[in-house]
């Protein structure tokens, strides 16, 4: 079987067992794609729903909530219809995979563990000095 996608746009396996990425383009049902006005309306609806989700994610960035996760969810909604969003998601997936592989590298993990340990020791020393000098009183209640 050839590497690529079948008629449904799903990724198909190549002869070597790897999966290729699905074809770019609209994933709207065929009866919608067959009618130009309906397809344009569908695209406008997908854009508006995706925009609402992305805006909600941006609002969640400074507020409590999974802001980045919601933003990527909105991008995934857009990617069902727009090639530019599909390309952005593919690029993001590649970068996340590269970062994951880099983070799992034993040298990088060892360095991160050492830096974390040094940081925790420094924080423990500073807290110890504070408690030794001021006791367990909070800074806004210190008597001079």
N, C-alpha and C. Protein backbone atom coordinates (compact mmCIF):
# COMPACT_ATOMS: atom_id res chain seq x y z
N UNK A 1 0.85 -1.18 0.00
CA UNK A 1 0.00 0.00 0.00
C UNK A 1 0.89 1.23 0.00
N UNK A 2 0.48 2.26 -0.61
CA UNK A 2 1.24 3.48 -0.72
C UNK A 2 1.13 4.32 0.55
N UNK A 3 2.19 5.07 0.84
CA UNK A 3 2.12 5.99 1.96
C UNK A 3 1.21 7.13 1.57
N UNK A 4 0.38 7.58 2.48
CA UNK A 4 -0.54 8.68 2.18
C UNK A 4 -1.81 8.54 2.96
N UNK A 5 -2.91 8.86 2.31
CA UNK A 5 -4.18 8.74 3.02
C UNK A 5 -5.19 8.09 2.09
N UNK A 6 -6.16 7.46 2.70
CA UNK A 6 -7.22 6.85 1.90
C UNK A 6 -8.30 7.89 1.63
N UNK A 7 -9.42 7.47 1.10
CA UNK A 7 -10.47 8.41 0.70
C UNK A 7 -11.06 9.18 1.87
N UNK A 8 -10.99 8.65 3.07
CA UNK A 8 -11.58 9.32 4.22
C UNK A 8 -10.64 10.35 4.83
N UNK A 9 -9.40 10.43 4.35
CA UNK A 9 -8.46 11.39 4.91
C UNK A 9 -7.69 10.83 6.09
N UNK A 10 -7.94 9.56 6.44
CA UNK A 10 -7.25 8.95 7.55
C UNK A 10 -5.82 8.60 7.13
N UNK A 11 -4.91 8.62 8.08
CA UNK A 11 -3.54 8.23 7.78
C UNK A 11 -3.49 6.73 7.55
N UNK A 12 -2.69 6.32 6.59
CA UNK A 12 -2.54 4.90 6.32
C UNK A 12 -1.11 4.49 6.58
N UNK A 13 -0.92 3.23 6.90
CA UNK A 13 0.40 2.73 7.24
C UNK A 13 1.19 2.46 5.97
N UNK A 14 2.47 2.80 6.01
CA UNK A 14 3.36 2.50 4.90
C UNK A 14 3.84 1.07 5.05
N UNK A 15 4.59 0.58 4.06
CA UNK A 15 5.08 -0.79 4.09
C UNK A 15 6.02 -1.03 5.27
N UNK A 16 6.74 0.02 5.71
CA UNK A 16 7.68 -0.16 6.82
C UNK A 16 7.02 -0.01 8.18
N UNK A 17 5.70 0.15 8.23
CA UNK A 17 4.97 0.19 9.50
C UNK A 17 4.78 1.59 10.06
N UNK A 18 5.37 2.61 9.43
CA UNK A 18 5.19 3.97 9.94
C UNK A 18 3.90 4.55 9.41
N UNK A 19 3.35 5.50 10.12
CA UNK A 19 2.12 6.17 9.68
C UNK A 19 2.49 7.52 9.10
N UNK A 20 1.88 7.84 7.99
CA UNK A 20 2.06 9.16 7.42
C UNK A 20 0.95 10.07 7.94
N UNK A 21 1.12 11.35 7.70
CA UNK A 21 0.12 12.30 8.16
C UNK A 21 -1.05 12.32 7.19
N UNK A 22 -2.26 12.60 7.67
CA UNK A 22 -3.42 12.64 6.77
C UNK A 22 -3.29 13.78 5.76
N UNK A 23 -4.02 13.66 4.68
CA UNK A 23 -3.98 14.68 3.63
C UNK A 23 -4.54 16.00 4.16
N UNK A 24 -4.01 17.09 3.60
CA UNK A 24 -4.48 18.41 3.98
C UNK A 24 -5.80 18.70 3.29
N UNK A 25 -6.61 19.53 3.91
CA UNK A 25 -7.85 19.95 3.28
C UNK A 25 -9.05 19.77 4.19
N UNK A 26 -10.19 20.12 3.65
CA UNK A 26 -11.44 20.09 4.39
C UNK A 26 -11.84 18.67 4.76
N UNK A 27 -12.37 18.53 5.97
CA UNK A 27 -12.88 17.24 6.41
C UNK A 27 -14.41 17.28 6.55
N UNK A 28 -15.00 18.23 5.86
CA UNK A 28 -16.47 18.35 5.88
C UNK A 28 -17.07 17.15 5.17
N UNK A 29 -18.28 16.76 5.55
CA UNK A 29 -18.94 15.66 4.84
C UNK A 29 -19.09 15.98 3.35
N UNK A 30 -19.13 14.94 2.55
CA UNK A 30 -19.17 15.10 1.08
C UNK A 30 -20.40 15.89 0.62
N UNK A 31 -21.57 15.67 1.23
CA UNK A 31 -22.76 16.40 0.78
C UNK A 31 -22.62 17.89 1.04
N UNK A 32 -21.82 18.29 2.04
CA UNK A 32 -21.58 19.71 2.30
C UNK A 32 -20.57 20.25 1.29
N UNK A 33 -19.51 19.50 1.02
CA UNK A 33 -18.51 19.95 0.06
C UNK A 33 -19.08 20.06 -1.35
N UNK A 34 -20.11 19.30 -1.65
CA UNK A 34 -20.69 19.30 -3.00
C UNK A 34 -21.45 20.59 -3.29
N UNK A 35 -21.89 21.30 -2.28
CA UNK A 35 -22.66 22.53 -2.48
C UNK A 35 -21.83 23.71 -1.99
N UNK A 36 -21.48 24.60 -2.89
CA UNK A 36 -20.57 25.71 -2.58
C UNK A 36 -21.08 26.60 -1.44
N UNK A 37 -22.33 27.01 -1.51
CA UNK A 37 -22.87 27.91 -0.48
C UNK A 37 -22.90 27.22 0.88
N UNK A 38 -23.27 25.95 0.89
CA UNK A 38 -23.31 25.20 2.15
C UNK A 38 -21.90 25.01 2.71
N UNK A 39 -20.94 24.76 1.81
CA UNK A 39 -19.56 24.57 2.27
C UNK A 39 -19.00 25.88 2.84
N UNK A 40 -19.30 27.00 2.20
CA UNK A 40 -18.85 28.29 2.72
C UNK A 40 -19.47 28.57 4.08
N UNK A 41 -20.76 28.27 4.23
CA UNK A 41 -21.42 28.44 5.52
C UNK A 41 -20.79 27.53 6.58
N UNK A 42 -20.47 26.32 6.19
CA UNK A 42 -19.81 25.38 7.09
C UNK A 42 -18.47 25.94 7.55
N UNK A 43 -17.69 26.49 6.61
CA UNK A 43 -16.38 27.05 6.96
C UNK A 43 -16.52 28.24 7.90
N UNK A 44 -17.50 29.09 7.65
CA UNK A 44 -17.73 30.24 8.54
C UNK A 44 -18.10 29.75 9.94
N UNK A 45 -18.97 28.74 10.02
CA UNK A 45 -19.35 28.19 11.32
C UNK A 45 -18.16 27.58 12.05
N UNK A 46 -17.34 26.82 11.34
CA UNK A 46 -16.15 26.22 11.96
C UNK A 46 -15.21 27.31 12.43
N UNK A 47 -15.04 28.36 11.62
CA UNK A 47 -14.16 29.45 12.01
C UNK A 47 -14.66 30.14 13.28
N UNK A 48 -15.95 30.40 13.35
CA UNK A 48 -16.52 31.10 14.51
C UNK A 48 -16.40 30.24 15.77
N UNK A 49 -16.70 28.96 15.67
CA UNK A 49 -16.59 28.07 16.84
C UNK A 49 -15.13 27.98 17.28
N UNK A 50 -14.21 27.80 16.31
CA UNK A 50 -12.79 27.74 16.65
C UNK A 50 -12.30 29.03 17.27
N UNK A 51 -12.76 30.16 16.74
CA UNK A 51 -12.37 31.46 17.29
C UNK A 51 -12.85 31.61 18.72
N UNK A 52 -14.08 31.19 19.00
CA UNK A 52 -14.61 31.28 20.37
C UNK A 52 -13.77 30.44 21.33
N UNK A 53 -13.37 29.26 20.89
CA UNK A 53 -12.56 28.39 21.76
C UNK A 53 -11.17 28.99 21.97
N UNK A 54 -10.56 29.52 20.90
CA UNK A 54 -9.24 30.14 21.03
C UNK A 54 -9.31 31.36 21.95
N UNK A 55 -10.33 32.19 21.79
CA UNK A 55 -10.47 33.37 22.65
C UNK A 55 -10.66 32.95 24.11
N UNK A 56 -11.45 31.90 24.34
CA UNK A 56 -11.61 31.40 25.71
C UNK A 56 -10.27 30.94 26.26
N UNK A 57 -9.45 30.30 25.44
CA UNK A 57 -8.13 29.87 25.89
C UNK A 57 -7.22 31.04 26.21
N UNK A 58 -7.27 32.08 25.39
CA UNK A 58 -6.46 33.27 25.65
C UNK A 58 -6.90 33.93 26.95
N UNK A 59 -8.20 33.95 27.21
CA UNK A 59 -8.70 34.52 28.46
C UNK A 59 -8.21 33.68 29.64
N UNK A 60 -8.12 32.36 29.45
CA UNK A 60 -7.68 31.48 30.54
C UNK A 60 -6.18 31.57 30.82
N UNK A 61 -5.40 32.17 29.93
CA UNK A 61 -3.96 32.23 30.18
C UNK A 61 -3.64 32.94 31.50
N UNK A 62 -4.17 34.17 31.74
CA UNK A 62 -3.86 34.79 33.03
C UNK A 62 -4.79 34.33 34.15
N UNK A 63 -5.90 33.72 33.81
CA UNK A 63 -6.87 33.26 34.80
C UNK A 63 -6.70 31.76 35.04
N UNK A 64 -7.31 31.24 36.09
CA UNK A 64 -7.24 29.79 36.30
C UNK A 64 -7.91 29.03 35.17
N UNK A 65 -7.25 28.03 34.70
CA UNK A 65 -7.81 27.22 33.63
C UNK A 65 -6.72 26.74 32.69
N UNK A 66 -7.01 25.74 31.91
CA UNK A 66 -6.02 25.17 31.00
C UNK A 66 -5.92 25.97 29.70
N UNK A 67 -5.39 27.18 29.76
CA UNK A 67 -5.38 28.09 28.62
C UNK A 67 -4.77 27.51 27.36
N UNK A 68 -3.54 27.01 27.44
CA UNK A 68 -2.86 26.49 26.24
C UNK A 68 -3.59 25.28 25.68
N UNK A 69 -4.09 24.44 26.54
CA UNK A 69 -4.82 23.26 26.09
C UNK A 69 -6.07 23.67 25.30
N UNK A 70 -6.78 24.68 25.78
CA UNK A 70 -7.98 25.15 25.11
C UNK A 70 -7.62 25.83 23.78
N UNK A 71 -6.52 26.58 23.76
CA UNK A 71 -6.08 27.21 22.51
C UNK A 71 -5.78 26.15 21.46
N UNK A 72 -5.07 25.10 21.85
CA UNK A 72 -4.76 24.04 20.90
C UNK A 72 -6.03 23.28 20.49
N UNK A 73 -7.00 23.21 21.39
CA UNK A 73 -8.30 22.63 21.03
C UNK A 73 -8.99 23.45 19.95
N UNK A 74 -8.94 24.77 20.08
CA UNK A 74 -9.51 25.65 19.05
C UNK A 74 -8.77 25.51 17.73
N UNK A 75 -7.45 25.37 17.81
CA UNK A 75 -6.68 25.14 16.58
C UNK A 75 -7.07 23.82 15.93
N UNK A 76 -7.34 22.80 16.75
CA UNK A 76 -7.77 21.51 16.20
C UNK A 76 -9.13 21.63 15.53
N UNK A 77 -10.01 22.46 16.08
CA UNK A 77 -11.30 22.69 15.44
C UNK A 77 -11.08 23.35 14.09
N UNK A 78 -10.23 24.38 14.04
CA UNK A 78 -9.92 25.04 12.77
C UNK A 78 -9.28 24.06 11.79
N UNK A 79 -8.45 23.16 12.30
CA UNK A 79 -7.73 22.22 11.43
C UNK A 79 -8.66 21.23 10.74
N UNK A 80 -9.89 21.10 11.21
CA UNK A 80 -10.83 20.23 10.49
C UNK A 80 -11.23 20.83 9.16
N UNK A 81 -10.99 22.12 8.98
CA UNK A 81 -11.44 22.79 7.76
C UNK A 81 -10.38 23.58 7.02
N UNK A 82 -9.37 24.08 7.72
CA UNK A 82 -8.42 25.01 7.11
C UNK A 82 -7.02 24.42 7.06
N UNK A 83 -6.39 24.51 5.90
CA UNK A 83 -5.06 23.94 5.69
C UNK A 83 -4.03 24.65 6.56
N UNK A 84 -4.12 25.97 6.71
CA UNK A 84 -3.13 26.69 7.50
C UNK A 84 -3.13 26.20 8.95
N UNK A 85 -4.29 25.89 9.50
CA UNK A 85 -4.35 25.39 10.88
C UNK A 85 -3.80 23.97 10.95
N UNK A 86 -4.02 23.17 9.91
CA UNK A 86 -3.45 21.82 9.88
C UNK A 86 -1.93 21.88 9.87
N UNK A 87 -1.37 22.82 9.11
CA UNK A 87 0.08 22.97 9.06
C UNK A 87 0.64 23.45 10.41
N UNK A 88 -0.07 24.36 11.06
CA UNK A 88 0.37 24.83 12.38
C UNK A 88 0.35 23.68 13.38
N UNK A 89 -0.70 22.87 13.37
CA UNK A 89 -0.78 21.74 14.29
C UNK A 89 0.30 20.70 14.01
N UNK A 90 0.59 20.44 12.73
CA UNK A 90 1.67 19.50 12.41
C UNK A 90 3.00 20.00 12.93
N UNK A 91 3.28 21.31 12.73
CA UNK A 91 4.52 21.90 13.22
C UNK A 91 4.60 21.79 14.74
N UNK A 92 3.48 22.08 15.42
CA UNK A 92 3.44 22.01 16.88
C UNK A 92 3.68 20.59 17.36
N UNK A 93 3.05 19.61 16.71
CA UNK A 93 3.26 18.21 17.11
C UNK A 93 4.72 17.80 16.94
N UNK A 94 5.34 18.25 15.83
CA UNK A 94 6.75 17.93 15.62
C UNK A 94 7.62 18.52 16.72
N UNK A 95 7.38 19.79 17.07
CA UNK A 95 8.18 20.46 18.11
C UNK A 95 7.98 19.81 19.47
N UNK A 96 6.74 19.43 19.80
CA UNK A 96 6.47 18.77 21.08
C UNK A 96 7.18 17.41 21.13
N UNK A 97 7.15 16.68 20.02
CA UNK A 97 7.83 15.38 19.97
C UNK A 97 9.33 15.56 20.14
N UNK A 98 9.90 16.56 19.46
CA UNK A 98 11.34 16.82 19.60
C UNK A 98 11.68 17.20 21.03
N UNK A 99 10.88 18.04 21.65
CA UNK A 99 11.14 18.45 23.04
C UNK A 99 11.03 17.26 23.98
N UNK A 100 10.07 16.38 23.73
CA UNK A 100 9.91 15.19 24.56
C UNK A 100 11.14 14.29 24.46
N UNK A 101 11.59 14.08 23.24
CA UNK A 101 12.77 13.24 23.04
C UNK A 101 14.00 13.86 23.71
N UNK A 102 14.12 15.18 23.60
CA UNK A 102 15.25 15.86 24.22
C UNK A 102 15.18 15.77 25.74
N UNK A 103 13.98 15.90 26.29
CA UNK A 103 13.82 15.84 27.75
C UNK A 103 14.10 14.44 28.29
N UNK A 104 13.87 13.43 27.48
CA UNK A 104 14.12 12.05 27.91
C UNK A 104 15.58 11.64 27.76
N UNK A 105 16.39 12.50 27.15
CA UNK A 105 17.82 12.21 27.00
C UNK A 105 18.45 12.11 28.40
N UNK A 106 19.19 11.04 28.69
CA UNK A 106 19.75 10.87 30.05
C UNK A 106 20.63 12.02 30.50
N UNK A 107 21.42 12.61 29.60
CA UNK A 107 22.28 13.73 30.00
C UNK A 107 21.45 14.94 30.41
N UNK A 108 20.40 15.22 29.66
CA UNK A 108 19.54 16.36 29.98
C UNK A 108 18.80 16.10 31.29
N UNK A 109 18.30 14.89 31.48
CA UNK A 109 17.60 14.56 32.73
C UNK A 109 18.54 14.71 33.93
N UNK A 110 19.76 14.21 33.78
CA UNK A 110 20.73 14.31 34.88
C UNK A 110 21.00 15.77 35.21
N UNK A 111 21.21 16.60 34.18
CA UNK A 111 21.46 18.02 34.39
C UNK A 111 20.27 18.67 35.09
N UNK A 112 19.05 18.35 34.65
CA UNK A 112 17.86 18.94 35.26
C UNK A 112 17.71 18.52 36.73
N UNK A 113 18.01 17.26 37.02
CA UNK A 113 17.93 16.79 38.41
C UNK A 113 18.96 17.51 39.27
N UNK A 114 20.18 17.69 38.77
CA UNK A 114 21.23 18.38 39.52
C UNK A 114 20.83 19.84 39.77
N UNK A 115 20.35 20.53 38.72
CA UNK A 115 19.94 21.93 38.89
C UNK A 115 18.77 22.07 39.85
N UNK A 116 17.82 21.15 39.80
CA UNK A 116 16.68 21.19 40.72
C UNK A 116 17.14 20.97 42.15
N UNK A 117 18.05 20.03 42.36
CA UNK A 117 18.57 19.76 43.70
C UNK A 117 19.31 20.97 44.25
N UNK A 118 20.14 21.60 43.42
CA UNK A 118 20.87 22.79 43.87
C UNK A 118 19.89 23.91 44.22
N UNK A 119 18.86 24.11 43.39
CA UNK A 119 17.86 25.13 43.67
C UNK A 119 17.12 24.87 44.97
N UNK A 120 16.75 23.61 45.22
CA UNK A 120 16.04 23.28 46.47
C UNK A 120 16.93 23.48 47.68
N UNK A 121 18.23 23.16 47.56
CA UNK A 121 19.16 23.38 48.67
C UNK A 121 19.28 24.87 48.97
N UNK A 122 19.39 25.69 47.93
CA UNK A 122 19.48 27.15 48.13
C UNK A 122 18.22 27.68 48.80
N UNK A 123 17.06 27.24 48.35
CA UNK A 123 15.80 27.68 48.96
C UNK A 123 15.72 27.22 50.41
N UNK A 124 16.14 25.99 50.71
CA UNK A 124 16.11 25.48 52.09
C UNK A 124 17.03 26.30 52.98
N UNK A 125 18.20 26.67 52.48
CA UNK A 125 19.13 27.50 53.27
C UNK A 125 18.52 28.87 53.53
N UNK A 126 17.92 29.48 52.52
CA UNK A 126 17.31 30.80 52.71
C UNK A 126 16.14 30.75 53.70
N UNK A 127 15.31 29.72 53.61
CA UNK A 127 14.21 29.56 54.56
C UNK A 127 14.77 29.33 55.97
N UNK A 128 15.82 28.53 56.09
CA UNK A 128 16.44 28.31 57.39
C UNK A 128 16.98 29.58 58.00
N UNK A 129 17.63 30.41 57.19
CA UNK A 129 18.15 31.69 57.69
C UNK A 129 17.00 32.59 58.12
N UNK A 130 15.93 32.63 57.35
CA UNK A 130 14.77 33.46 57.70
C UNK A 130 14.17 33.01 59.02
N UNK A 131 13.97 31.69 59.17
CA UNK A 131 13.37 31.18 60.40
C UNK A 131 14.29 31.41 61.58
N UNK A 132 15.60 31.26 61.41
CA UNK A 132 16.56 31.48 62.49
C UNK A 132 16.55 32.94 62.94
N UNK A 133 16.42 33.86 61.97
CA UNK A 133 16.47 35.27 62.30
C UNK A 133 15.14 35.82 62.81
N UNK A 134 14.01 35.40 62.20
CA UNK A 134 12.72 35.99 62.53
C UNK A 134 11.75 35.02 63.20
N UNK A 135 12.06 33.77 63.25
CA UNK A 135 11.12 32.80 63.78
C UNK A 135 10.06 32.47 62.74
N UNK A 136 8.90 32.01 63.21
CA UNK A 136 7.85 31.61 62.28
C UNK A 136 6.84 32.72 62.01
N UNK A 137 7.21 33.97 62.28
CA UNK A 137 6.31 35.09 62.02
C UNK A 137 6.33 35.45 60.54
N UNK A 138 5.20 35.87 60.06
CA UNK A 138 5.12 36.30 58.67
C UNK A 138 5.76 37.68 58.52
N UNK A 139 6.27 38.03 57.34
CA UNK A 139 6.98 39.30 57.16
C UNK A 139 6.14 40.52 57.51
N UNK A 140 4.83 40.49 57.33
CA UNK A 140 4.02 41.67 57.62
C UNK A 140 3.70 41.80 59.10
N UNK A 141 4.15 40.85 59.93
CA UNK A 141 3.92 40.93 61.38
C UNK A 141 5.23 41.05 62.16
N UNK A 142 6.32 41.32 61.47
CA UNK A 142 7.63 41.40 62.16
C UNK A 142 7.65 42.66 63.03
N UNK A 143 8.06 42.47 64.30
CA UNK A 143 8.15 43.59 65.23
C UNK A 143 9.61 44.06 65.24
N UNK A 144 9.77 45.34 65.14
CA UNK A 144 11.14 45.87 65.07
C UNK A 144 11.62 46.32 66.42
